[in-house]
Amino acid sequence: MAGLGVLKMTSSSIKASNHTSKSGTLPALMFGIPLAVGFWSLAMFGPIEIPLLKRYLGHPVELVEIIMFSCAMAALAWKYLSNRRENAALKSDLLPSWDEKLVSPLEAKKLLERLDTSPVWLTKTMVFRRVYIALGFVRQRGSAEDLDDQLRSASDMDSLEMDGSFGLTRFITWAIPILGFLGTVLGITGAISGVTPEMLEKSMSTVTDGLALAFDATALALGLTMACMFTSFLVEKSGEQILEKLDQWLDREISHRFIRVGTDQGPVMEILNRHIQELTQNSQSLVKTQVDLWGQAMEKLEQRQNDLAQTSMLVVKTGLEGALSSSLEIHRRSQAQQEEASSNLSRTLAGQMGLAAQAIREAGRDQHTAISTMLEGMSRQTAVLAELQHGEKHLVQLQRVLQENLQHLTQSGEFLEAVHCLTAAAHMLTSKVQGRPSEPFSYSVNPPASGPNWGSPGKAA
C-alpha cells in the first residue's frame, strides 16, 4: 500500500508538472510583453523612421493588440518546443526492446525501476507520464487486464489537456478583433466629437483623416488575428500528430507486452501472485540470514588467518635474522680473504709490470738505434741521389756537345773522329754511373790541324 501511494503521488506530480509546462501561460507573459514593448518602442522612437509603422502603432489600442499578439506567439513557440521535446522522448529508449514474447506482469516493477533512472528532461514529458502510469497500473493490479481501457482513458485525457492548453491562444485570437473594433469606435468617436456643420463645410478632410486612422486599428487586428490563427493551426496539428504517434507506440510496446488471463481466473491468479510474493519474501529473508552467517564465518576465518599470519611472520623474521647474521659473518670472512688475495695479486702484477716496462725501455732503445741507422742510410742515399742529379745535368751538357759535334761531323765527313769521341763519352758515362772518378781521356789518333779540338770533353764543351 505504501508503494501504491508513492506511485499515485509520483503520477500526480508528473501530471501537474506536465500540465504547467504545456499551458505556456507564464512563458507567454514573460517573453511576450517585453518583446511587444521593445518592438513598439523601436517602431515609435527608434532611429529608423518608418511612417507606416507609426501610423498603425500610434493608438494605445494598437499597442494592446501588439502585446496580446506577442503573448500568443510566445505561447505557441513554447508549445512548439514542447512538441519537439515530446517527439525526442518518443525516439529515446524509455523501455528495452521487446522481442514480441509475452512477459509476466511482475516485470512491470523492473520497467518502472528503469524509468526512475531516466534524465530529468525526459521525466517532464507527456510520453514519460503515459508510460509511467500504464506500467504503474499493471504493477498495481498485478495483471494486464483492462490495460487497453486505461490506455484509451489516458489518451482521451491527454487530448483534452492538449486542447485546453490552447485556451490562452484562442482567447487572444478572439480578443484581438474585438480590440480592433473598439479602437475603430474610439477613433470614430474622437473624429466626429468636435465636428460642427461649419467645419464640415470648410474642411471635410479633417473628419475623413480621423476616420481613416480609426479603421487602422481594425485592419491591424484582423491581420494579427489571421497570423495567430494560422500559427495556432500548425502547432495544434503538430500536437495531434504527437498524440497519434504516442498512442501507436504504446499499443506496440506496452499493450501487448504482458500475459493476460480470462476474467474467471482472476481470483486464482491473484492468490497465486500473493503466494509467489510471499515465497519471494521468504526466500529473500533466508538468503539474507545465510549471507549474515557466511559473513560471520568469513570474519572468524579472517581473524584466524590474521593470527596465523602474524605467528608465521614472527617465525620467518627470527629465521631470517639468524640466516642473515650467518651470511654476514661468512661474507666478512670471504671479503677479508679476497682482500688479501687481491693484495698479493696486486704485488705480483706490479712486479710483472716493472719487468715489462724495463723490457719496453730496452726495446725502445733498440728501436731508436735502428731508426738512427736507417736515417743515416737514408742520408747517404740522399747524397747519392744528389750526385746522380748533378751527373744527369752533366750528361745533358754532353748530349748537347755531342749533338753539335755530330752536326759538325756531318758537315766535315770525318767519321773516325766521331767514333772515338762517342767511345770517350760512353766511357765517361759508365764511370759516372758506377761512382768512380772520371779518367782523363787521350786521343791516340792525331786529328787534322784544321779540325776541331778533341782533347777533352770539357774543352769541347
Protein backbone atom coordinates (compact mmCIF):
# COMPACT_ATOMS: atom_id res chain seq x y z
CA MET A 1 0.00 0.00 0.00
CA ALA A 2 2.90 2.32 0.69
CA GLY A 3 4.33 1.59 -2.75
CA LEU A 4 0.90 2.27 -4.29
CA GLY A 5 0.72 5.63 -2.51
CA VAL A 6 4.15 6.56 -3.75
CA LEU A 7 3.12 5.56 -7.28
CA LYS A 8 -0.04 7.69 -7.11
CA MET A 9 1.86 10.64 -5.71
CA THR A 10 4.54 10.35 -8.40
CA SER A 11 1.95 10.13 -11.16
CA SER A 12 0.09 13.16 -9.79
CA SER A 13 3.26 15.22 -9.54
CA ILE A 14 4.26 14.25 -13.09
CA LYS A 15 0.84 15.17 -14.38
CA ALA A 16 0.81 18.52 -12.56
CA SER A 17 4.27 19.50 -13.76
CA ASN A 18 3.45 18.41 -17.31
CA HIS A 19 0.22 20.41 -17.30
CA THR A 20 2.04 23.52 -16.06
CA SER A 21 4.69 23.21 -18.76
CA LYS A 22 2.12 22.63 -21.51
CA SER A 23 -0.15 25.57 -20.70
CA GLY A 24 2.55 28.09 -21.64
CA THR A 25 0.84 30.97 -19.77
CA LEU A 26 3.88 32.01 -17.75
CA PRO A 27 6.33 31.89 -20.71
CA ALA A 28 3.81 33.86 -22.82
CA LEU A 29 3.72 36.66 -20.26
CA MET A 30 7.46 36.58 -19.51
CA PHE A 31 8.58 36.75 -23.13
CA GLY A 32 5.58 38.22 -24.95
CA ILE A 33 5.16 41.50 -23.04
CA PRO A 34 8.86 42.59 -23.11
CA LEU A 35 9.08 41.63 -26.79
CA ALA A 36 5.99 43.66 -27.70
CA VAL A 37 7.07 46.71 -25.69
CA GLY A 38 10.55 46.60 -27.20
CA PHE A 39 9.19 46.34 -30.74
CA TRP A 40 6.74 49.19 -30.15
CA SER A 41 9.49 51.39 -28.69
CA LEU A 42 11.80 50.79 -31.65
CA ALA A 43 8.98 51.48 -34.12
CA MET A 44 7.85 54.70 -32.46
CA PHE A 45 11.07 56.15 -31.03
CA GLY A 46 13.79 54.16 -32.79
CA PRO A 47 16.50 55.56 -35.04
CA ILE A 48 14.75 54.35 -38.22
CA GLU A 49 11.78 56.40 -39.36
CA ILE A 50 9.04 54.18 -40.82
CA PRO A 51 5.82 56.19 -41.24
CA LEU A 52 3.70 53.10 -41.90
CA LEU A 53 4.63 51.55 -38.54
CA LYS A 54 3.96 54.80 -36.70
CA ARG A 55 0.57 55.02 -38.40
CA TYR A 56 -0.51 51.51 -37.34
CA LEU A 57 1.04 51.65 -33.84
CA GLY A 58 0.20 55.19 -32.75
CA HIS A 59 -3.08 54.42 -30.95
CA PRO A 60 -2.98 52.86 -27.41
CA VAL A 61 -5.43 50.16 -28.53
CA GLU A 62 -3.00 49.14 -31.24
CA LEU A 63 -0.24 48.80 -28.60
CA VAL A 64 -2.50 46.45 -26.62
CA GLU A 65 -3.12 44.44 -29.80
CA ILE A 66 0.65 44.08 -30.34
CA ILE A 67 1.16 42.95 -26.72
CA MET A 68 -1.57 40.30 -26.97
CA PHE A 69 -0.27 39.08 -30.31
CA SER A 70 3.27 38.77 -28.88
CA CYS A 71 1.93 36.80 -25.90
CA ALA A 72 0.08 34.43 -28.27
CA MET A 73 3.22 33.94 -30.39
CA ALA A 74 5.32 33.27 -27.26
CA ALA A 75 2.79 30.67 -26.06
CA LEU A 76 2.72 28.97 -29.47
CA ALA A 77 6.52 28.96 -29.64
CA TRP A 78 6.64 27.36 -26.19
CA LYS A 79 4.14 24.70 -27.28
CA TYR A 80 6.14 24.06 -30.44
CA LEU A 81 9.28 23.49 -28.38
CA SER A 82 7.29 21.17 -26.10
CA ASN A 83 6.14 19.19 -29.15
CA ARG A 84 9.76 18.89 -30.27
CA ARG A 85 10.67 17.58 -26.82
CA GLU A 86 7.82 15.05 -26.91
CA ASN A 87 8.99 13.86 -30.31
CA ALA A 88 12.53 13.43 -28.93
CA ALA A 89 11.11 11.47 -25.99
CA LEU A 90 9.33 9.12 -28.40
CA LYS A 91 12.67 8.42 -30.13
CA SER A 92 14.50 7.76 -26.85
CA ASP A 93 14.94 4.33 -25.25
CA LEU A 94 12.38 4.54 -22.48
CA LEU A 95 11.82 0.78 -22.49
CA PRO A 96 14.07 -2.09 -23.51
CA SER A 97 13.47 -3.55 -26.93
CA TRP A 98 10.68 -6.14 -26.99
CA ASP A 99 11.10 -9.40 -28.91
CA GLU A 100 7.29 -9.90 -29.07
CA LYS A 101 7.41 -12.60 -26.38
CA LEU A 102 4.83 -12.21 -23.62
CA VAL A 103 6.23 -11.48 -20.18
CA SER A 104 4.79 -11.65 -16.71
CA PRO A 105 3.05 -8.56 -15.23
CA LEU A 106 5.64 -8.73 -12.46
CA GLU A 107 8.16 -7.38 -14.98
CA ALA A 108 6.41 -4.02 -14.70
CA LYS A 109 8.39 -3.36 -11.49
CA LYS A 110 11.70 -3.69 -13.34
CA LEU A 111 10.47 -1.42 -16.10
CA LEU A 112 9.43 1.20 -13.52
CA GLU A 113 12.87 0.99 -11.94
CA ARG A 114 14.38 1.58 -15.36
CA LEU A 115 12.17 4.65 -15.80
CA ASP A 116 13.39 6.03 -12.46
CA THR A 117 16.89 6.33 -13.96
CA SER A 118 15.70 8.50 -16.88
CA PRO A 119 17.09 12.04 -17.39
CA VAL A 120 15.32 14.96 -15.77
CA TRP A 121 14.14 16.50 -19.05
CA LEU A 122 12.57 13.18 -20.04
CA THR A 123 10.56 12.91 -16.82
CA LYS A 124 8.79 16.19 -17.66
CA THR A 125 7.30 14.92 -20.93
CA MET A 126 3.84 13.58 -21.66
CA VAL A 127 5.37 10.41 -23.13
CA PHE A 128 7.11 9.58 -19.86
CA ARG A 129 3.92 10.25 -17.89
CA ARG A 130 1.82 7.97 -20.10
CA VAL A 131 4.34 5.12 -19.88
CA TYR A 132 4.80 5.53 -16.14
CA ILE A 133 1.04 5.48 -15.47
CA ALA A 134 0.49 2.43 -17.70
CA LEU A 135 3.25 0.42 -16.00
CA GLY A 136 2.04 1.57 -12.60
CA PHE A 137 -1.45 0.30 -13.48
CA VAL A 138 -0.05 -3.15 -14.36
CA ARG A 139 2.07 -3.24 -11.22
CA GLN A 140 -0.85 -2.17 -9.03
CA ARG A 141 -3.28 -4.70 -10.47
CA GLY A 142 -0.73 -7.49 -10.85
CA SER A 143 -2.35 -8.19 -14.19
CA ALA A 144 -2.62 -6.67 -17.66
CA GLU A 145 -6.41 -6.94 -17.71
CA ASP A 146 -8.21 -3.69 -18.59
CA LEU A 147 -4.90 -2.16 -19.70
CA ASP A 148 -6.40 -1.18 -23.06
CA ASP A 149 -9.20 0.73 -21.33
CA GLN A 150 -6.70 2.51 -19.15
CA LEU A 151 -4.58 3.48 -22.19
CA ARG A 152 -7.65 4.81 -24.03
CA SER A 153 -8.69 6.78 -20.96
CA ALA A 154 -5.21 8.29 -20.65
CA SER A 155 -5.23 9.13 -24.36
CA ASP A 156 -8.56 10.93 -24.04
CA MET A 157 -7.29 12.84 -21.03
CA ASP A 158 -4.16 13.92 -22.91
CA SER A 159 -6.26 15.02 -25.88
CA LEU A 160 -8.47 17.13 -23.62
CA GLU A 161 -5.43 18.52 -21.86
CA MET A 162 -3.77 19.47 -25.13
CA ASP A 163 -6.97 21.04 -26.38
CA GLY A 164 -7.27 23.02 -23.16
CA SER A 165 -3.65 24.20 -23.41
CA PHE A 166 -4.67 26.34 -26.40
CA GLY A 167 -7.14 28.30 -24.26
CA LEU A 168 -4.89 31.34 -23.94
CA THR A 169 -4.20 31.40 -27.67
CA ARG A 170 -7.90 31.07 -28.50
CA PHE A 171 -8.77 33.86 -26.08
CA ILE A 172 -6.19 36.17 -27.64
CA THR A 173 -7.37 35.24 -31.15
CA TRP A 174 -10.92 36.14 -30.09
CA ALA A 175 -9.91 39.32 -28.23
CA ILE A 176 -7.71 40.94 -30.86
CA PRO A 177 -10.57 41.65 -33.38
CA ILE A 178 -12.74 43.00 -30.58
CA LEU A 179 -9.90 45.35 -29.61
CA GLY A 180 -9.69 46.40 -33.26
CA PHE A 181 -13.38 47.22 -33.36
CA LEU A 182 -13.04 49.04 -30.05
CA GLY A 183 -10.20 51.11 -31.46
CA THR A 184 -12.28 51.91 -34.51
CA VAL A 185 -15.22 53.01 -32.38
CA LEU A 186 -12.97 55.17 -30.24
CA GLY A 187 -11.35 56.64 -33.34
CA ILE A 188 -14.67 57.47 -34.96
CA THR A 189 -15.92 58.98 -31.74
CA GLY A 190 -12.82 61.13 -31.47
CA ALA A 191 -13.05 62.18 -35.11
CA ILE A 192 -16.68 63.33 -35.03
CA SER A 193 -16.94 64.51 -31.42
CA GLY A 194 -15.94 68.11 -32.11
CA VAL A 195 -17.22 68.42 -35.67
CA THR A 196 -19.70 71.22 -36.47
CA PRO A 197 -21.58 71.93 -39.70
CA GLU A 198 -19.30 74.90 -40.30
CA MET A 199 -16.21 72.65 -40.05
CA LEU A 200 -17.77 70.17 -42.48
CA GLU A 201 -18.32 72.94 -44.98
CA LYS A 202 -14.80 74.37 -44.56
CA SER A 203 -12.63 71.24 -44.16
CA MET A 204 -14.08 67.80 -44.87
CA SER A 205 -10.57 66.24 -44.85
CA THR A 206 -10.23 66.66 -41.06
CA VAL A 207 -13.13 64.27 -40.49
CA THR A 208 -12.05 61.78 -43.15
CA ASP A 209 -8.46 61.63 -41.83
CA GLY A 210 -9.75 60.81 -38.37
CA LEU A 211 -11.95 58.05 -39.74
CA ALA A 212 -9.02 56.58 -41.70
CA LEU A 213 -6.93 56.40 -38.56
CA ALA A 214 -9.85 54.84 -36.72
CA PHE A 215 -10.15 51.97 -39.18
CA ASP A 216 -6.40 51.23 -38.96
CA ALA A 217 -6.94 49.56 -35.59
CA THR A 218 -9.42 47.10 -37.13
CA ALA A 219 -7.12 46.39 -40.09
CA LEU A 220 -4.16 45.69 -37.78
CA ALA A 221 -6.32 43.48 -35.54
CA LEU A 222 -7.59 41.40 -38.46
CA GLY A 223 -4.07 40.91 -39.82
CA LEU A 224 -2.67 39.84 -36.44
CA THR A 225 -5.65 37.52 -35.93
CA MET A 226 -5.04 35.74 -39.22
CA ALA A 227 -1.34 35.27 -38.40
CA CYS A 228 -2.18 33.98 -34.93
CA MET A 229 -4.82 31.56 -36.21
CA PHE A 230 -2.55 30.14 -38.89
CA THR A 231 0.34 29.60 -36.45
CA SER A 232 -2.02 28.08 -33.90
CA PHE A 233 -3.34 25.66 -36.52
CA LEU A 234 0.19 24.49 -37.37
CA VAL A 235 1.18 23.98 -33.75
CA GLU A 236 -2.08 22.23 -32.89
CA LYS A 237 -1.68 19.91 -35.86
CA SER A 238 1.84 19.07 -34.69
CA GLY A 239 0.50 18.23 -31.21
CA GLU A 240 -2.20 15.96 -32.65
CA GLN A 241 0.44 14.09 -34.64
CA ILE A 242 2.48 13.62 -31.45
CA LEU A 243 -0.57 12.15 -29.68
CA GLU A 244 -1.26 9.81 -32.57
CA LYS A 245 2.36 8.59 -32.63
CA LEU A 246 2.28 8.13 -28.85
CA ASP A 247 -0.89 6.00 -29.00
CA GLN A 248 0.64 3.82 -31.71
CA TRP A 249 3.88 3.41 -29.75
CA LEU A 250 2.04 2.47 -26.54
CA ASP A 251 -0.11 -0.04 -28.40
CA ARG A 252 3.01 -1.60 -29.91
CA GLU A 253 5.34 -1.58 -26.89
CA ILE A 254 3.10 -1.93 -23.78
CA SER A 255 -0.42 -3.00 -24.66
CA HIS A 256 0.58 -6.48 -25.94
CA ARG A 257 3.72 -6.99 -23.86
CA PHE A 258 2.21 -8.65 -20.76
CA ILE A 259 0.46 -12.00 -20.30
CA ARG A 260 -3.33 -11.79 -19.90
CA VAL A 261 -5.74 -14.38 -18.49
CA GLY A 262 -9.53 -14.72 -18.55
CA THR A 263 -11.71 -12.87 -16.08
CA ASP A 264 -12.82 -16.08 -14.36
CA GLN A 265 -9.21 -16.91 -13.48
CA GLY A 266 -8.62 -13.58 -11.85
CA PRO A 267 -9.00 -14.78 -8.20
CA VAL A 268 -6.78 -17.81 -8.84
CA MET A 269 -4.10 -15.64 -10.36
CA GLU A 270 -4.46 -13.18 -7.52
CA ILE A 271 -3.92 -15.95 -4.94
CA LEU A 272 -1.04 -17.34 -6.99
CA ASN A 273 0.62 -13.94 -7.23
CA ARG A 274 0.19 -13.45 -3.50
CA HIS A 275 1.80 -16.81 -2.76
CA ILE A 276 4.59 -16.02 -5.16
CA GLN A 277 5.22 -12.75 -3.42
CA GLU A 278 5.24 -14.47 -0.01
CA LEU A 279 7.62 -17.11 -1.33
CA THR A 280 9.84 -14.41 -2.74
CA GLN A 281 9.88 -12.56 0.58
CA ASN A 282 10.68 -15.77 2.49
CA SER A 283 13.44 -16.60 0.06
CA GLN A 284 14.86 -13.12 0.45
CA SER A 285 14.83 -13.43 4.26
CA LEU A 286 16.52 -16.84 4.07
CA VAL A 287 19.13 -15.53 1.70
CA LYS A 288 19.75 -12.56 3.97
CA THR A 289 20.14 -14.88 7.00
CA GLN A 290 22.50 -17.14 5.09
CA VAL A 291 24.53 -14.16 3.95
CA ASP A 292 24.82 -12.96 7.54
CA LEU A 293 26.01 -16.41 8.68
CA TRP A 294 28.51 -16.53 5.85
CA GLY A 295 29.72 -13.07 6.81
CA GLN A 296 30.28 -14.12 10.44
CA ALA A 297 32.08 -17.28 9.37
CA MET A 298 34.26 -15.31 6.98
CA GLU A 299 35.11 -12.82 9.75
CA LYS A 300 36.19 -15.66 12.09
CA LEU A 301 38.19 -17.28 9.32
CA GLU A 302 39.83 -13.96 8.52
CA GLN A 303 40.72 -13.47 12.21
CA ARG A 304 42.31 -16.93 12.34
CA GLN A 305 44.20 -16.25 9.17
CA ASN A 306 45.49 -12.97 10.61
CA ASP A 307 46.69 -14.72 13.81
CA LEU A 308 48.36 -17.46 11.81
CA ALA A 309 49.94 -14.91 9.53
CA GLN A 310 51.36 -12.98 12.50
CA THR A 311 52.82 -16.18 14.01
CA SER A 312 54.29 -17.19 10.67
CA MET A 313 55.76 -13.71 10.21
CA LEU A 314 57.42 -13.92 13.64
CA VAL A 315 58.97 -17.33 12.87
CA VAL A 316 60.10 -16.17 9.47
CA LYS A 317 61.56 -12.98 10.97
CA THR A 318 63.59 -14.96 13.56
CA GLY A 319 64.86 -17.38 10.93
CA LEU A 320 65.76 -14.59 8.57
CA GLU A 321 67.66 -12.73 11.28
CA GLY A 322 69.76 -15.85 12.11
CA ALA A 323 70.37 -16.61 8.46
CA LEU A 324 71.33 -13.01 7.73
CA SER A 325 73.78 -12.95 10.69
CA SER A 326 75.48 -16.16 9.46
CA SER A 327 75.56 -14.88 5.93
CA LEU A 328 77.11 -11.56 7.03
CA GLU A 329 79.85 -13.37 9.01
CA ILE A 330 80.65 -15.64 6.08
CA HIS A 331 80.65 -12.64 3.77
CA ARG A 332 83.04 -10.75 6.07
CA ARG A 333 85.48 -13.66 6.15
CA SER A 334 85.25 -14.15 2.41
CA GLN A 335 85.79 -10.43 1.87
CA ALA A 336 88.95 -10.48 4.06
CA GLN A 337 90.34 -13.45 2.11
CA GLN A 338 89.53 -11.72 -1.16
CA GLU A 339 91.25 -8.53 0.01
CA GLU A 340 94.42 -10.49 0.97
CA ALA A 341 94.38 -12.33 -2.37
CA SER A 342 93.87 -9.03 -4.15
CA SER A 343 96.87 -7.53 -2.36
CA ASN A 344 99.11 -10.47 -3.34
CA LEU A 345 97.86 -10.31 -6.88
CA SER A 346 98.48 -6.55 -6.98
CA ARG A 347 102.09 -7.00 -5.81
CA THR A 348 102.67 -9.75 -8.38
CA LEU A 349 101.17 -7.63 -11.11
CA ALA A 350 103.28 -4.64 -10.06
CA GLY A 351 106.49 -6.74 -10.35
CA GLN A 352 105.45 -8.11 -13.70
CA MET A 353 104.57 -4.64 -14.90
CA GLY A 354 108.05 -3.36 -13.81
CA LEU A 355 109.72 -6.13 -15.80
CA ALA A 356 107.52 -5.39 -18.75
CA ALA A 357 108.36 -1.67 -18.52
CA GLN A 358 112.10 -2.44 -18.44
CA ALA A 359 111.72 -4.70 -21.45
CA ILE A 360 109.79 -1.97 -23.22
CA ARG A 361 112.55 0.57 -22.44
CA GLU A 362 115.25 -1.79 -23.83
CA ALA A 363 113.15 -2.44 -26.91
CA GLY A 364 112.72 1.33 -27.29
CA ARG A 365 116.48 1.88 -27.17
CA ASP A 366 117.00 -0.83 -29.79
CA GLN A 367 114.39 0.70 -32.00
CA HIS A 368 115.96 4.13 -31.54
CA THR A 369 119.35 2.73 -32.62
CA ALA A 370 117.80 1.03 -35.63
CA ILE A 371 115.95 4.19 -36.60
CA SER A 372 119.17 6.25 -36.31
CA THR A 373 120.96 3.75 -38.54
CA MET A 374 118.18 3.84 -41.04
CA LEU A 375 118.22 7.66 -41.04
CA GLU A 376 121.99 7.64 -41.74
CA GLY A 377 121.45 5.23 -44.65
CA MET A 378 118.71 7.45 -45.98
CA SER A 379 121.08 10.45 -45.73
CA ARG A 380 123.72 8.60 -47.77
CA GLN A 381 121.13 7.63 -50.34
CA THR A 382 120.03 11.26 -50.50
CA ALA A 383 123.64 12.32 -51.20
CA VAL A 384 123.94 9.67 -53.94
CA LEU A 385 120.71 10.89 -55.45
CA ALA A 386 122.05 14.43 -55.42
CA GLU A 387 125.25 13.27 -57.20
CA LEU A 388 123.12 11.40 -59.72
CA GLN A 389 121.12 14.55 -60.32
CA HIS A 390 124.37 16.50 -60.87
CA GLY A 391 125.62 13.80 -63.25
CA GLU A 392 122.32 13.98 -65.06
CA LYS A 393 122.86 17.71 -65.63
CA HIS A 394 126.42 16.96 -66.87
CA LEU A 395 125.04 14.31 -69.23
CA VAL A 396 122.61 16.85 -70.64
CA GLN A 397 125.53 19.16 -71.42
CA LEU A 398 127.47 16.28 -73.02
CA GLN A 399 124.42 15.41 -75.10
CA ARG A 400 124.23 18.96 -76.39
CA VAL A 401 128.02 18.92 -77.22
CA LEU A 402 127.65 15.56 -78.94
CA GLN A 403 124.80 16.90 -80.97
CA GLU A 404 126.89 19.89 -82.05
CA ASN A 405 129.85 17.58 -82.87
CA LEU A 406 127.60 15.27 -84.86
CA GLN A 407 126.38 18.23 -86.82
CA HIS A 408 129.99 19.27 -87.37
CA LEU A 409 130.96 15.72 -88.39
CA THR A 410 128.07 15.60 -90.76
CA GLN A 411 129.37 18.74 -92.35
CA SER A 412 133.09 17.71 -92.40
CA GLY A 413 132.65 13.98 -93.13
CA GLU A 414 135.24 12.83 -90.59
CA PHE A 415 133.56 9.67 -89.24
CA LEU A 416 136.52 8.11 -87.41
CA GLU A 417 136.98 11.04 -85.12
CA ALA A 418 133.31 10.94 -84.28
CA VAL A 419 133.52 7.26 -83.31
CA HIS A 420 136.38 7.90 -80.92
CA CYS A 421 134.50 10.84 -79.44
CA LEU A 422 131.44 8.68 -78.81
CA THR A 423 133.63 5.98 -77.18
CA ALA A 424 135.12 8.55 -74.84
CA ALA A 425 131.68 9.86 -73.91
CA ALA A 426 130.38 6.33 -73.19
CA HIS A 427 133.45 5.65 -71.00
CA MET A 428 132.83 8.79 -69.03
CA LEU A 429 129.10 7.96 -68.57
CA THR A 430 129.95 4.49 -67.31
CA SER A 431 132.39 5.84 -64.77
CA LYS A 432 129.80 8.38 -63.52
CA VAL A 433 127.12 5.74 -63.08
CA GLN A 434 129.46 3.38 -61.16
CA GLY A 435 130.58 6.17 -58.87
CA ARG A 436 134.28 6.11 -60.00
CA PRO A 437 136.26 9.24 -60.70
CA SER A 438 136.48 10.10 -64.34
CA GLU A 439 139.80 9.21 -66.01
CA PRO A 440 141.49 11.61 -68.35
CA PHE A 441 140.77 10.88 -71.92
CA SER A 442 143.52 10.99 -74.58
CA TYR A 443 143.02 10.69 -78.20
CA SER A 444 145.52 8.38 -79.99
CA VAL A 445 144.80 9.47 -83.47
CA ASN A 446 146.25 12.80 -84.45
CA PRO A 447 143.43 14.98 -85.55
CA PRO A 448 143.81 17.16 -88.58
CA ALA A 449 145.11 20.60 -87.98
CA SER A 450 142.07 22.20 -89.40
CA GLY A 451 139.58 20.07 -87.35
CA PRO A 452 138.09 20.92 -84.03
CA ASN A 453 139.83 20.47 -80.69
CA TRP A 454 139.11 16.85 -79.39
CA GLY A 455 141.49 16.87 -76.44
CA SER A 456 138.91 16.66 -73.65
CA PRO A 457 135.11 16.61 -73.41
CA GLY A 458 135.16 19.56 -71.12
CA LYS A 459 137.12 21.55 -73.57
CA ALA A 460 134.98 20.52 -76.47
CA ALA A 461 132.03 21.57 -74.47
